[in-house]
C-alpha cells in the first residue's frame, strides 16, 4: 500500500528487537 505520491505521513516503526521475525 506504499508508493510515491500517496502522501504517506511520517512513520515510527516500533518492534521488539529480540524477535527476529518482526525485526526483519
PDBML (XML) file of the C-alpha atoms, coordinates in Angstrom:
<?xml version="1.0" encoding="UTF-8" ?>
<PDBx:datablock datablockName="MODEL"
   xmlns:PDBx="http://pdbml.pdb.org/schema/pdbx-v50.xsd"
   xmlns:xsi="http://www.w3.org/2001/XMLSchema-instance"
   xsi:schemaLocation="http://pdbml.pdb.org/schema/pdbx-v50.xsd pdbx-v50.xsd">
   <PDBx:atom_siteCategory>
      <PDBx:atom_site id="1">
         <PDBx:B_iso_or_equiv>0.00</PDBx:B_iso_or_equiv>
         <PDBx:Cartn_x>0.000</PDBx:Cartn_x>
         <PDBx:Cartn_y>0.000</PDBx:Cartn_y>
         <PDBx:Cartn_z>0.000</PDBx:Cartn_z>
         <PDBx:auth_asym_id>A</PDBx:auth_asym_id>
         <PDBx:auth_atom_id>CA</PDBx:auth_atom_id>
         <PDBx:auth_comp_id>UNK</PDBx:auth_comp_id>
         <PDBx:auth_seq_id>1</PDBx:auth_seq_id>
         <PDBx:group_PDB>ATOM</PDBx:group_PDB>
         <PDBx:label_alt_id xsi:nil="true" />
         <PDBx:label_asym_id>A</PDBx:label_asym_id>
         <PDBx:label_atom_id>CA</PDBx:label_atom_id>
         <PDBx:label_comp_id>UNK</PDBx:label_comp_id>
         <PDBx:label_entity_id>1</PDBx:label_entity_id>
         <PDBx:label_seq_id>1</PDBx:label_seq_id>
         <PDBx:occupancy>1.00</PDBx:occupancy>
         <PDBx:pdbx_PDB_model_num>1</PDBx:pdbx_PDB_model_num>
         <PDBx:type_symbol>C</PDBx:type_symbol>
      </PDBx:atom_site>
      <PDBx:atom_site id="2">
         <PDBx:B_iso_or_equiv>0.00</PDBx:B_iso_or_equiv>
         <PDBx:Cartn_x>3.102</PDBx:Cartn_x>
         <PDBx:Cartn_y>2.227</PDBx:Cartn_y>
         <PDBx:Cartn_z>-0.094</PDBx:Cartn_z>
         <PDBx:auth_asym_id>A</PDBx:auth_asym_id>
         <PDBx:auth_atom_id>CA</PDBx:auth_atom_id>
         <PDBx:auth_comp_id>UNK</PDBx:auth_comp_id>
         <PDBx:auth_seq_id>2</PDBx:auth_seq_id>
         <PDBx:group_PDB>ATOM</PDBx:group_PDB>
         <PDBx:label_alt_id xsi:nil="true" />
         <PDBx:label_asym_id>A</PDBx:label_asym_id>
         <PDBx:label_atom_id>CA</PDBx:label_atom_id>
         <PDBx:label_comp_id>UNK</PDBx:label_comp_id>
         <PDBx:label_entity_id>1</PDBx:label_entity_id>
         <PDBx:label_seq_id>2</PDBx:label_seq_id>
         <PDBx:occupancy>1.00</PDBx:occupancy>
         <PDBx:pdbx_PDB_model_num>1</PDBx:pdbx_PDB_model_num>
         <PDBx:type_symbol>C</PDBx:type_symbol>
      </PDBx:atom_site>
      <PDBx:atom_site id="3">
         <PDBx:B_iso_or_equiv>0.00</PDBx:B_iso_or_equiv>
         <PDBx:Cartn_x>4.003</PDBx:Cartn_x>
         <PDBx:Cartn_y>4.220</PDBx:Cartn_y>
         <PDBx:Cartn_z>-3.201</PDBx:Cartn_z>
         <PDBx:auth_asym_id>A</PDBx:auth_asym_id>
         <PDBx:auth_atom_id>CA</PDBx:auth_atom_id>
         <PDBx:auth_comp_id>UNK</PDBx:auth_comp_id>
         <PDBx:auth_seq_id>3</PDBx:auth_seq_id>
         <PDBx:group_PDB>ATOM</PDBx:group_PDB>
         <PDBx:label_alt_id xsi:nil="true" />
         <PDBx:label_asym_id>A</PDBx:label_asym_id>
         <PDBx:label_atom_id>CA</PDBx:label_atom_id>
         <PDBx:label_comp_id>UNK</PDBx:label_comp_id>
         <PDBx:label_entity_id>1</PDBx:label_entity_id>
         <PDBx:label_seq_id>3</PDBx:label_seq_id>
         <PDBx:occupancy>1.00</PDBx:occupancy>
         <PDBx:pdbx_PDB_model_num>1</PDBx:pdbx_PDB_model_num>
         <PDBx:type_symbol>C</PDBx:type_symbol>
      </PDBx:atom_site>
      <PDBx:atom_site id="4">
         <PDBx:B_iso_or_equiv>0.00</PDBx:B_iso_or_equiv>
         <PDBx:Cartn_x>5.440</PDBx:Cartn_x>
         <PDBx:Cartn_y>7.580</PDBx:Cartn_y>
         <PDBx:Cartn_z>-4.121</PDBx:Cartn_z>
         <PDBx:auth_asym_id>A</PDBx:auth_asym_id>
         <PDBx:auth_atom_id>CA</PDBx:auth_atom_id>
         <PDBx:auth_comp_id>UNK</PDBx:auth_comp_id>
         <PDBx:auth_seq_id>4</PDBx:auth_seq_id>
         <PDBx:group_PDB>ATOM</PDBx:group_PDB>
         <PDBx:label_alt_id xsi:nil="true" />
         <PDBx:label_asym_id>A</PDBx:label_asym_id>
         <PDBx:label_atom_id>CA</PDBx:label_atom_id>
         <PDBx:label_comp_id>UNK</PDBx:label_comp_id>
         <PDBx:label_entity_id>1</PDBx:label_entity_id>
         <PDBx:label_seq_id>4</PDBx:label_seq_id>
         <PDBx:occupancy>1.00</PDBx:occupancy>
         <PDBx:pdbx_PDB_model_num>1</PDBx:pdbx_PDB_model_num>
         <PDBx:type_symbol>C</PDBx:type_symbol>
      </PDBx:atom_site>
      <PDBx:atom_site id="5">
         <PDBx:B_iso_or_equiv>0.00</PDBx:B_iso_or_equiv>
         <PDBx:Cartn_x>2.821</PDBx:Cartn_x>
         <PDBx:Cartn_y>10.316</PDBx:Cartn_y>
         <PDBx:Cartn_z>-4.382</PDBx:Cartn_z>
         <PDBx:auth_asym_id>A</PDBx:auth_asym_id>
         <PDBx:auth_atom_id>CA</PDBx:auth_atom_id>
         <PDBx:auth_comp_id>UNK</PDBx:auth_comp_id>
         <PDBx:auth_seq_id>5</PDBx:auth_seq_id>
         <PDBx:group_PDB>ATOM</PDBx:group_PDB>
         <PDBx:label_alt_id xsi:nil="true" />
         <PDBx:label_asym_id>A</PDBx:label_asym_id>
         <PDBx:label_atom_id>CA</PDBx:label_atom_id>
         <PDBx:label_comp_id>UNK</PDBx:label_comp_id>
         <PDBx:label_entity_id>1</PDBx:label_entity_id>
         <PDBx:label_seq_id>5</PDBx:label_seq_id>
         <PDBx:occupancy>1.00</PDBx:occupancy>
         <PDBx:pdbx_PDB_model_num>1</PDBx:pdbx_PDB_model_num>
         <PDBx:type_symbol>C</PDBx:type_symbol>
      </PDBx:atom_site>
      <PDBx:atom_site id="6">
         <PDBx:B_iso_or_equiv>0.00</PDBx:B_iso_or_equiv>
         <PDBx:Cartn_x>0.423</PDBx:Cartn_x>
         <PDBx:Cartn_y>8.783</PDBx:Cartn_y>
         <PDBx:Cartn_z>-1.837</PDBx:Cartn_z>
         <PDBx:auth_asym_id>A</PDBx:auth_asym_id>
         <PDBx:auth_atom_id>CA</PDBx:auth_atom_id>
         <PDBx:auth_comp_id>UNK</PDBx:auth_comp_id>
         <PDBx:auth_seq_id>6</PDBx:auth_seq_id>
         <PDBx:group_PDB>ATOM</PDBx:group_PDB>
         <PDBx:label_alt_id xsi:nil="true" />
         <PDBx:label_asym_id>A</PDBx:label_asym_id>
         <PDBx:label_atom_id>CA</PDBx:label_atom_id>
         <PDBx:label_comp_id>UNK</PDBx:label_comp_id>
         <PDBx:label_entity_id>1</PDBx:label_entity_id>
         <PDBx:label_seq_id>6</PDBx:label_seq_id>
         <PDBx:occupancy>1.00</PDBx:occupancy>
         <PDBx:pdbx_PDB_model_num>1</PDBx:pdbx_PDB_model_num>
         <PDBx:type_symbol>C</PDBx:type_symbol>
      </PDBx:atom_site>
      <PDBx:atom_site id="7">
         <PDBx:B_iso_or_equiv>0.00</PDBx:B_iso_or_equiv>
         <PDBx:Cartn_x>1.207</PDBx:Cartn_x>
         <PDBx:Cartn_y>11.490</PDBx:Cartn_y>
         <PDBx:Cartn_z>0.756</PDBx:Cartn_z>
         <PDBx:auth_asym_id>A</PDBx:auth_asym_id>
         <PDBx:auth_atom_id>CA</PDBx:auth_atom_id>
         <PDBx:auth_comp_id>UNK</PDBx:auth_comp_id>
         <PDBx:auth_seq_id>7</PDBx:auth_seq_id>
         <PDBx:group_PDB>ATOM</PDBx:group_PDB>
         <PDBx:label_alt_id xsi:nil="true" />
         <PDBx:label_asym_id>A</PDBx:label_asym_id>
         <PDBx:label_atom_id>CA</PDBx:label_atom_id>
         <PDBx:label_comp_id>UNK</PDBx:label_comp_id>
         <PDBx:label_entity_id>1</PDBx:label_entity_id>
         <PDBx:label_seq_id>7</PDBx:label_seq_id>
         <PDBx:occupancy>1.00</PDBx:occupancy>
         <PDBx:pdbx_PDB_model_num>1</PDBx:pdbx_PDB_model_num>
         <PDBx:type_symbol>C</PDBx:type_symbol>
      </PDBx:atom_site>
      <PDBx:atom_site id="8">
         <PDBx:B_iso_or_equiv>0.00</PDBx:B_iso_or_equiv>
         <PDBx:Cartn_x>2.258</PDBx:Cartn_x>
         <PDBx:Cartn_y>8.937</PDBx:Cartn_y>
         <PDBx:Cartn_z>3.327</PDBx:Cartn_z>
         <PDBx:auth_asym_id>A</PDBx:auth_asym_id>
         <PDBx:auth_atom_id>CA</PDBx:auth_atom_id>
         <PDBx:auth_comp_id>UNK</PDBx:auth_comp_id>
         <PDBx:auth_seq_id>8</PDBx:auth_seq_id>
         <PDBx:group_PDB>ATOM</PDBx:group_PDB>
         <PDBx:label_alt_id xsi:nil="true" />
         <PDBx:label_asym_id>A</PDBx:label_asym_id>
         <PDBx:label_atom_id>CA</PDBx:label_atom_id>
         <PDBx:label_comp_id>UNK</PDBx:label_comp_id>
         <PDBx:label_entity_id>1</PDBx:label_entity_id>
         <PDBx:label_seq_id>8</PDBx:label_seq_id>
         <PDBx:occupancy>1.00</PDBx:occupancy>
         <PDBx:pdbx_PDB_model_num>1</PDBx:pdbx_PDB_model_num>
         <PDBx:type_symbol>C</PDBx:type_symbol>
      </PDBx:atom_site>
      <PDBx:atom_site id="9">
         <PDBx:B_iso_or_equiv>0.00</PDBx:B_iso_or_equiv>
         <PDBx:Cartn_x>2.754</PDBx:Cartn_x>
         <PDBx:Cartn_y>10.614</PDBx:Cartn_y>
         <PDBx:Cartn_z>6.712</PDBx:Cartn_z>
         <PDBx:auth_asym_id>A</PDBx:auth_asym_id>
         <PDBx:auth_atom_id>CA</PDBx:auth_atom_id>
         <PDBx:auth_comp_id>UNK</PDBx:auth_comp_id>
         <PDBx:auth_seq_id>9</PDBx:auth_seq_id>
         <PDBx:group_PDB>ATOM</PDBx:group_PDB>
         <PDBx:label_alt_id xsi:nil="true" />
         <PDBx:label_asym_id>A</PDBx:label_asym_id>
         <PDBx:label_atom_id>CA</PDBx:label_atom_id>
         <PDBx:label_comp_id>UNK</PDBx:label_comp_id>
         <PDBx:label_entity_id>1</PDBx:label_entity_id>
         <PDBx:label_seq_id>9</PDBx:label_seq_id>
         <PDBx:occupancy>1.00</PDBx:occupancy>
         <PDBx:pdbx_PDB_model_num>1</PDBx:pdbx_PDB_model_num>
         <PDBx:type_symbol>C</PDBx:type_symbol>
      </PDBx:atom_site>
      <PDBx:atom_site id="10">
         <PDBx:B_iso_or_equiv>0.00</PDBx:B_iso_or_equiv>
         <PDBx:Cartn_x>5.900</PDBx:Cartn_x>
         <PDBx:Cartn_y>10.210</PDBx:Cartn_y>
         <PDBx:Cartn_z>8.805</PDBx:Cartn_z>
         <PDBx:auth_asym_id>A</PDBx:auth_asym_id>
         <PDBx:auth_atom_id>CA</PDBx:auth_atom_id>
         <PDBx:auth_comp_id>UNK</PDBx:auth_comp_id>
         <PDBx:auth_seq_id>10</PDBx:auth_seq_id>
         <PDBx:group_PDB>ATOM</PDBx:group_PDB>
         <PDBx:label_alt_id xsi:nil="true" />
         <PDBx:label_asym_id>A</PDBx:label_asym_id>
         <PDBx:label_atom_id>CA</PDBx:label_atom_id>
         <PDBx:label_comp_id>UNK</PDBx:label_comp_id>
         <PDBx:label_entity_id>1</PDBx:label_entity_id>
         <PDBx:label_seq_id>10</PDBx:label_seq_id>
         <PDBx:occupancy>1.00</PDBx:occupancy>
         <PDBx:pdbx_PDB_model_num>1</PDBx:pdbx_PDB_model_num>
         <PDBx:type_symbol>C</PDBx:type_symbol>
      </PDBx:atom_site>
      <PDBx:atom_site id="11">
         <PDBx:B_iso_or_equiv>0.00</PDBx:B_iso_or_equiv>
         <PDBx:Cartn_x>6.172</PDBx:Cartn_x>
         <PDBx:Cartn_y>6.810</PDBx:Cartn_y>
         <PDBx:Cartn_z>10.446</PDBx:Cartn_z>
         <PDBx:auth_asym_id>A</PDBx:auth_asym_id>
         <PDBx:auth_atom_id>CA</PDBx:auth_atom_id>
         <PDBx:auth_comp_id>UNK</PDBx:auth_comp_id>
         <PDBx:auth_seq_id>11</PDBx:auth_seq_id>
         <PDBx:group_PDB>ATOM</PDBx:group_PDB>
         <PDBx:label_alt_id xsi:nil="true" />
         <PDBx:label_asym_id>A</PDBx:label_asym_id>
         <PDBx:label_atom_id>CA</PDBx:label_atom_id>
         <PDBx:label_comp_id>UNK</PDBx:label_comp_id>
         <PDBx:label_entity_id>1</PDBx:label_entity_id>
         <PDBx:label_seq_id>11</PDBx:label_seq_id>
         <PDBx:occupancy>1.00</PDBx:occupancy>
         <PDBx:pdbx_PDB_model_num>1</PDBx:pdbx_PDB_model_num>
         <PDBx:type_symbol>C</PDBx:type_symbol>
      </PDBx:atom_site>
      <PDBx:atom_site id="12">
         <PDBx:B_iso_or_equiv>0.00</PDBx:B_iso_or_equiv>
         <PDBx:Cartn_x>7.648</PDBx:Cartn_x>
         <PDBx:Cartn_y>5.464</PDBx:Cartn_y>
         <PDBx:Cartn_z>13.638</PDBx:Cartn_z>
         <PDBx:auth_asym_id>A</PDBx:auth_asym_id>
         <PDBx:auth_atom_id>CA</PDBx:auth_atom_id>
         <PDBx:auth_comp_id>UNK</PDBx:auth_comp_id>
         <PDBx:auth_seq_id>12</PDBx:auth_seq_id>
         <PDBx:group_PDB>ATOM</PDBx:group_PDB>
         <PDBx:label_alt_id xsi:nil="true" />
         <PDBx:label_asym_id>A</PDBx:label_asym_id>
         <PDBx:label_atom_id>CA</PDBx:label_atom_id>
         <PDBx:label_comp_id>UNK</PDBx:label_comp_id>
         <PDBx:label_entity_id>1</PDBx:label_entity_id>
         <PDBx:label_seq_id>12</PDBx:label_seq_id>
         <PDBx:occupancy>1.00</PDBx:occupancy>
         <PDBx:pdbx_PDB_model_num>1</PDBx:pdbx_PDB_model_num>
         <PDBx:type_symbol>C</PDBx:type_symbol>
      </PDBx:atom_site>
      <PDBx:atom_site id="13">
         <PDBx:B_iso_or_equiv>0.00</PDBx:B_iso_or_equiv>
         <PDBx:Cartn_x>8.033</PDBx:Cartn_x>
         <PDBx:Cartn_y>1.715</PDBx:Cartn_y>
         <PDBx:Cartn_z>13.337</PDBx:Cartn_z>
         <PDBx:auth_asym_id>A</PDBx:auth_asym_id>
         <PDBx:auth_atom_id>CA</PDBx:auth_atom_id>
         <PDBx:auth_comp_id>UNK</PDBx:auth_comp_id>
         <PDBx:auth_seq_id>13</PDBx:auth_seq_id>
         <PDBx:group_PDB>ATOM</PDBx:group_PDB>
         <PDBx:label_alt_id xsi:nil="true" />
         <PDBx:label_asym_id>A</PDBx:label_asym_id>
         <PDBx:label_atom_id>CA</PDBx:label_atom_id>
         <PDBx:label_comp_id>UNK</PDBx:label_comp_id>
         <PDBx:label_entity_id>1</PDBx:label_entity_id>
         <PDBx:label_seq_id>13</PDBx:label_seq_id>
         <PDBx:occupancy>1.00</PDBx:occupancy>
         <PDBx:pdbx_PDB_model_num>1</PDBx:pdbx_PDB_model_num>
         <PDBx:type_symbol>C</PDBx:type_symbol>
      </PDBx:atom_site>
      <PDBx:atom_site id="14">
         <PDBx:B_iso_or_equiv>0.00</PDBx:B_iso_or_equiv>
         <PDBx:Cartn_x>8.347</PDBx:Cartn_x>
         <PDBx:Cartn_y>0.012</PDBx:Cartn_y>
         <PDBx:Cartn_z>16.696</PDBx:Cartn_z>
         <PDBx:auth_asym_id>A</PDBx:auth_asym_id>
         <PDBx:auth_atom_id>CA</PDBx:auth_atom_id>
         <PDBx:auth_comp_id>UNK</PDBx:auth_comp_id>
         <PDBx:auth_seq_id>14</PDBx:auth_seq_id>
         <PDBx:group_PDB>ATOM</PDBx:group_PDB>
         <PDBx:label_alt_id xsi:nil="true" />
         <PDBx:label_asym_id>A</PDBx:label_asym_id>
         <PDBx:label_atom_id>CA</PDBx:label_atom_id>
         <PDBx:label_comp_id>UNK</PDBx:label_comp_id>
         <PDBx:label_entity_id>1</PDBx:label_entity_id>
         <PDBx:label_seq_id>14</PDBx:label_seq_id>
         <PDBx:occupancy>1.00</PDBx:occupancy>
         <PDBx:pdbx_PDB_model_num>1</PDBx:pdbx_PDB_model_num>
         <PDBx:type_symbol>C</PDBx:type_symbol>
      </PDBx:atom_site>
      <PDBx:atom_site id="15">
         <PDBx:B_iso_or_equiv>0.00</PDBx:B_iso_or_equiv>
         <PDBx:Cartn_x>9.375</PDBx:Cartn_x>
         <PDBx:Cartn_y>-3.588</PDBx:Cartn_y>
         <PDBx:Cartn_z>17.062</PDBx:Cartn_z>
         <PDBx:auth_asym_id>A</PDBx:auth_asym_id>
         <PDBx:auth_atom_id>CA</PDBx:auth_atom_id>
         <PDBx:auth_comp_id>UNK</PDBx:auth_comp_id>
         <PDBx:auth_seq_id>15</PDBx:auth_seq_id>
         <PDBx:group_PDB>ATOM</PDBx:group_PDB>
         <PDBx:label_alt_id xsi:nil="true" />
         <PDBx:label_asym_id>A</PDBx:label_asym_id>
         <PDBx:label_atom_id>CA</PDBx:label_atom_id>
         <PDBx:label_comp_id>UNK</PDBx:label_comp_id>
         <PDBx:label_entity_id>1</PDBx:label_entity_id>
         <PDBx:label_seq_id>15</PDBx:label_seq_id>
         <PDBx:occupancy>1.00</PDBx:occupancy>
         <PDBx:pdbx_PDB_model_num>1</PDBx:pdbx_PDB_model_num>
         <PDBx:type_symbol>C</PDBx:type_symbol>
      </PDBx:atom_site>
      <PDBx:atom_site id="16">
         <PDBx:B_iso_or_equiv>0.00</PDBx:B_iso_or_equiv>
         <PDBx:Cartn_x>10.721</PDBx:Cartn_x>
         <PDBx:Cartn_y>-5.963</PDBx:Cartn_y>
         <PDBx:Cartn_z>19.670</PDBx:Cartn_z>
         <PDBx:auth_asym_id>A</PDBx:auth_asym_id>
         <PDBx:auth_atom_id>CA</PDBx:auth_atom_id>
         <PDBx:auth_comp_id>UNK</PDBx:auth_comp_id>
         <PDBx:auth_seq_id>16</PDBx:auth_seq_id>
         <PDBx:group_PDB>ATOM</PDBx:group_PDB>
         <PDBx:label_alt_id xsi:nil="true" />
         <PDBx:label_asym_id>A</PDBx:label_asym_id>
         <PDBx:label_atom_id>CA</PDBx:label_atom_id>
         <PDBx:label_comp_id>UNK</PDBx:label_comp_id>
         <PDBx:label_entity_id>1</PDBx:label_entity_id>
         <PDBx:label_seq_id>16</PDBx:label_seq_id>
         <PDBx:occupancy>1.00</PDBx:occupancy>
         <PDBx:pdbx_PDB_model_num>1</PDBx:pdbx_PDB_model_num>
         <PDBx:type_symbol>C</PDBx:type_symbol>
      </PDBx:atom_site>
      <PDBx:atom_site id="17">
         <PDBx:B_iso_or_equiv>0.00</PDBx:B_iso_or_equiv>
         <PDBx:Cartn_x>14.451</PDBx:Cartn_x>
         <PDBx:Cartn_y>-6.116</PDBx:Cartn_y>
         <PDBx:Cartn_z>18.936</PDBx:Cartn_z>
         <PDBx:auth_asym_id>A</PDBx:auth_asym_id>
         <PDBx:auth_atom_id>CA</PDBx:auth_atom_id>
         <PDBx:auth_comp_id>UNK</PDBx:auth_comp_id>
         <PDBx:auth_seq_id>17</PDBx:auth_seq_id>
         <PDBx:group_PDB>ATOM</PDBx:group_PDB>
         <PDBx:label_alt_id xsi:nil="true" />
         <PDBx:label_asym_id>A</PDBx:label_asym_id>
         <PDBx:label_atom_id>CA</PDBx:label_atom_id>
         <PDBx:label_comp_id>UNK</PDBx:label_comp_id>
         <PDBx:label_entity_id>1</PDBx:label_entity_id>
         <PDBx:label_seq_id>17</PDBx:label_seq_id>
         <PDBx:occupancy>1.00</PDBx:occupancy>
         <PDBx:pdbx_PDB_model_num>1</PDBx:pdbx_PDB_model_num>
         <PDBx:type_symbol>C</PDBx:type_symbol>
      </PDBx:atom_site>
      <PDBx:atom_site id="18">
         <PDBx:B_iso_or_equiv>0.00</PDBx:B_iso_or_equiv>
         <PDBx:Cartn_x>14.802</PDBx:Cartn_x>
         <PDBx:Cartn_y>-9.615</PDBx:Cartn_y>
         <PDBx:Cartn_z>20.379</PDBx:Cartn_z>
         <PDBx:auth_asym_id>A</PDBx:auth_asym_id>
         <PDBx:auth_atom_id>CA</PDBx:auth_atom_id>
         <PDBx:auth_comp_id>UNK</PDBx:auth_comp_id>
         <PDBx:auth_seq_id>18</PDBx:auth_seq_id>
         <PDBx:group_PDB>ATOM</PDBx:group_PDB>
         <PDBx:label_alt_id xsi:nil="true" />
         <PDBx:label_asym_id>A</PDBx:label_asym_id>
         <PDBx:label_atom_id>CA</PDBx:label_atom_id>
         <PDBx:label_comp_id>UNK</PDBx:label_comp_id>
         <PDBx:label_entity_id>1</PDBx:label_entity_id>
         <PDBx:label_seq_id>18</PDBx:label_seq_id>
         <PDBx:occupancy>1.00</PDBx:occupancy>
         <PDBx:pdbx_PDB_model_num>1</PDBx:pdbx_PDB_model_num>
         <PDBx:type_symbol>C</PDBx:type_symbol>
      </PDBx:atom_site>
      <PDBx:atom_site id="19">
         <PDBx:B_iso_or_equiv>0.00</PDBx:B_iso_or_equiv>
         <PDBx:Cartn_x>12.233</PDBx:Cartn_x>
         <PDBx:Cartn_y>-11.069</PDBx:Cartn_y>
         <PDBx:Cartn_z>17.978</PDBx:Cartn_z>
         <PDBx:auth_asym_id>A</PDBx:auth_asym_id>
         <PDBx:auth_atom_id>CA</PDBx:auth_atom_id>
         <PDBx:auth_comp_id>UNK</PDBx:auth_comp_id>
         <PDBx:auth_seq_id>19</PDBx:auth_seq_id>
         <PDBx:group_PDB>ATOM</PDBx:group_PDB>
         <PDBx:label_alt_id xsi:nil="true" />
         <PDBx:label_asym_id>A</PDBx:label_asym_id>
         <PDBx:label_atom_id>CA</PDBx:label_atom_id>
         <PDBx:label_comp_id>UNK</PDBx:label_comp_id>
         <PDBx:label_entity_id>1</PDBx:label_entity_id>
         <PDBx:label_seq_id>19</PDBx:label_seq_id>
         <PDBx:occupancy>1.00</PDBx:occupancy>
         <PDBx:pdbx_PDB_model_num>1</PDBx:pdbx_PDB_model_num>
         <PDBx:type_symbol>C</PDBx:type_symbol>
      </PDBx:atom_site>
      <PDBx:atom_site id="20">
         <PDBx:B_iso_or_equiv>0.00</PDBx:B_iso_or_equiv>
         <PDBx:Cartn_x>13.931</PDBx:Cartn_x>
         <PDBx:Cartn_y>-11.837</PDBx:Cartn_y>
         <PDBx:Cartn_z>14.651</PDBx:Cartn_z>
         <PDBx:auth_asym_id>A</PDBx:auth_asym_id>
         <PDBx:auth_atom_id>CA</PDBx:auth_atom_id>
         <PDBx:auth_comp_id>UNK</PDBx:auth_comp_id>
         <PDBx:auth_seq_id>20</PDBx:auth_seq_id>
         <PDBx:group_PDB>ATOM</PDBx:group_PDB>
         <PDBx:label_alt_id xsi:nil="true" />
         <PDBx:label_asym_id>A</PDBx:label_asym_id>
         <PDBx:label_atom_id>CA</PDBx:label_atom_id>
         <PDBx:label_comp_id>UNK</PDBx:label_comp_id>
         <PDBx:label_entity_id>1</PDBx:label_entity_id>
         <PDBx:label_seq_id>20</PDBx:label_seq_id>
         <PDBx:occupancy>1.00</PDBx:occupancy>
         <PDBx:pdbx_PDB_model_num>1</PDBx:pdbx_PDB_model_num>
         <PDBx:type_symbol>C</PDBx:type_symbol>
      </PDBx:atom_site>
      <PDBx:atom_site id="21">
         <PDBx:B_iso_or_equiv>0.00</PDBx:B_iso_or_equiv>
         <PDBx:Cartn_x>10.734</PDBx:Cartn_x>
         <PDBx:Cartn_y>-12.248</PDBx:Cartn_y>
         <PDBx:Cartn_z>12.618</PDBx:Cartn_z>
         <PDBx:auth_asym_id>A</PDBx:auth_asym_id>
         <PDBx:auth_atom_id>CA</PDBx:auth_atom_id>
         <PDBx:auth_comp_id>UNK</PDBx:auth_comp_id>
         <PDBx:auth_seq_id>21</PDBx:auth_seq_id>
         <PDBx:group_PDB>ATOM</PDBx:group_PDB>
         <PDBx:label_alt_id xsi:nil="true" />
         <PDBx:label_asym_id>A</PDBx:label_asym_id>
         <PDBx:label_atom_id>CA</PDBx:label_atom_id>
         <PDBx:label_comp_id>UNK</PDBx:label_comp_id>
         <PDBx:label_entity_id>1</PDBx:label_entity_id>
         <PDBx:label_seq_id>21</PDBx:label_seq_id>
         <PDBx:occupancy>1.00</PDBx:occupancy>
         <PDBx:pdbx_PDB_model_num>1</PDBx:pdbx_PDB_model_num>
         <PDBx:type_symbol>C</PDBx:type_symbol>
      </PDBx:atom_site>
      <PDBx:atom_site id="22">
         <PDBx:B_iso_or_equiv>0.00</PDBx:B_iso_or_equiv>
         <PDBx:Cartn_x>9.136</PDBx:Cartn_x>
         <PDBx:Cartn_y>-8.911</PDBx:Cartn_y>
         <PDBx:Cartn_z>13.472</PDBx:Cartn_z>
         <PDBx:auth_asym_id>A</PDBx:auth_asym_id>
         <PDBx:auth_atom_id>CA</PDBx:auth_atom_id>
         <PDBx:auth_comp_id>UNK</PDBx:auth_comp_id>
         <PDBx:auth_seq_id>22</PDBx:auth_seq_id>
         <PDBx:group_PDB>ATOM</PDBx:group_PDB>
         <PDBx:label_alt_id xsi:nil="true" />
         <PDBx:label_asym_id>A</PDBx:label_asym_id>
         <PDBx:label_atom_id>CA</PDBx:label_atom_id>
         <PDBx:label_comp_id>UNK</PDBx:label_comp_id>
         <PDBx:label_entity_id>1</PDBx:label_entity_id>
         <PDBx:label_seq_id>22</PDBx:label_seq_id>
         <PDBx:occupancy>1.00</PDBx:occupancy>
         <PDBx:pdbx_PDB_model_num>1</PDBx:pdbx_PDB_model_num>
         <PDBx:type_symbol>C</PDBx:type_symbol>
      </PDBx:atom_site>
      <PDBx:atom_site id="23">
         <PDBx:B_iso_or_equiv>0.00</PDBx:B_iso_or_equiv>
         <PDBx:Cartn_x>12.511</PDBx:Cartn_x>
         <PDBx:Cartn_y>-7.131</PDBx:Cartn_y>
         <PDBx:Cartn_z>13.385</PDBx:Cartn_z>
         <PDBx:auth_asym_id>A</PDBx:auth_asym_id>
         <PDBx:auth_atom_id>CA</PDBx:auth_atom_id>
         <PDBx:auth_comp_id>UNK</PDBx:auth_comp_id>
         <PDBx:auth_seq_id>23</PDBx:auth_seq_id>
         <PDBx:group_PDB>ATOM</PDBx:group_PDB>
         <PDBx:label_alt_id xsi:nil="true" />
         <PDBx:label_asym_id>A</PDBx:label_asym_id>
         <PDBx:label_atom_id>CA</PDBx:label_atom_id>
         <PDBx:label_comp_id>UNK</PDBx:label_comp_id>
         <PDBx:label_entity_id>1</PDBx:label_entity_id>
         <PDBx:label_seq_id>23</PDBx:label_seq_id>
         <PDBx:occupancy>1.00</PDBx:occupancy>
         <PDBx:pdbx_PDB_model_num>1</PDBx:pdbx_PDB_model_num>
         <PDBx:type_symbol>C</PDBx:type_symbol>
      </PDBx:atom_site>
      <PDBx:atom_site id="24">
         <PDBx:B_iso_or_equiv>0.00</PDBx:B_iso_or_equiv>
         <PDBx:Cartn_x>13.055</PDBx:Cartn_x>
         <PDBx:Cartn_y>-8.292</PDBx:Cartn_y>
         <PDBx:Cartn_z>9.794</PDBx:Cartn_z>
         <PDBx:auth_asym_id>A</PDBx:auth_asym_id>
         <PDBx:auth_atom_id>CA</PDBx:auth_atom_id>
         <PDBx:auth_comp_id>UNK</PDBx:auth_comp_id>
         <PDBx:auth_seq_id>24</PDBx:auth_seq_id>
         <PDBx:group_PDB>ATOM</PDBx:group_PDB>
         <PDBx:label_alt_id xsi:nil="true" />
         <PDBx:label_asym_id>A</PDBx:label_asym_id>
         <PDBx:label_atom_id>CA</PDBx:label_atom_id>
         <PDBx:label_comp_id>UNK</PDBx:label_comp_id>
         <PDBx:label_entity_id>1</PDBx:label_entity_id>
         <PDBx:label_seq_id>24</PDBx:label_seq_id>
         <PDBx:occupancy>1.00</PDBx:occupancy>
         <PDBx:pdbx_PDB_model_num>1</PDBx:pdbx_PDB_model_num>
         <PDBx:type_symbol>C</PDBx:type_symbol>
      </PDBx:atom_site>
   </PDBx:atom_siteCategory>
</PDBx:datablock>
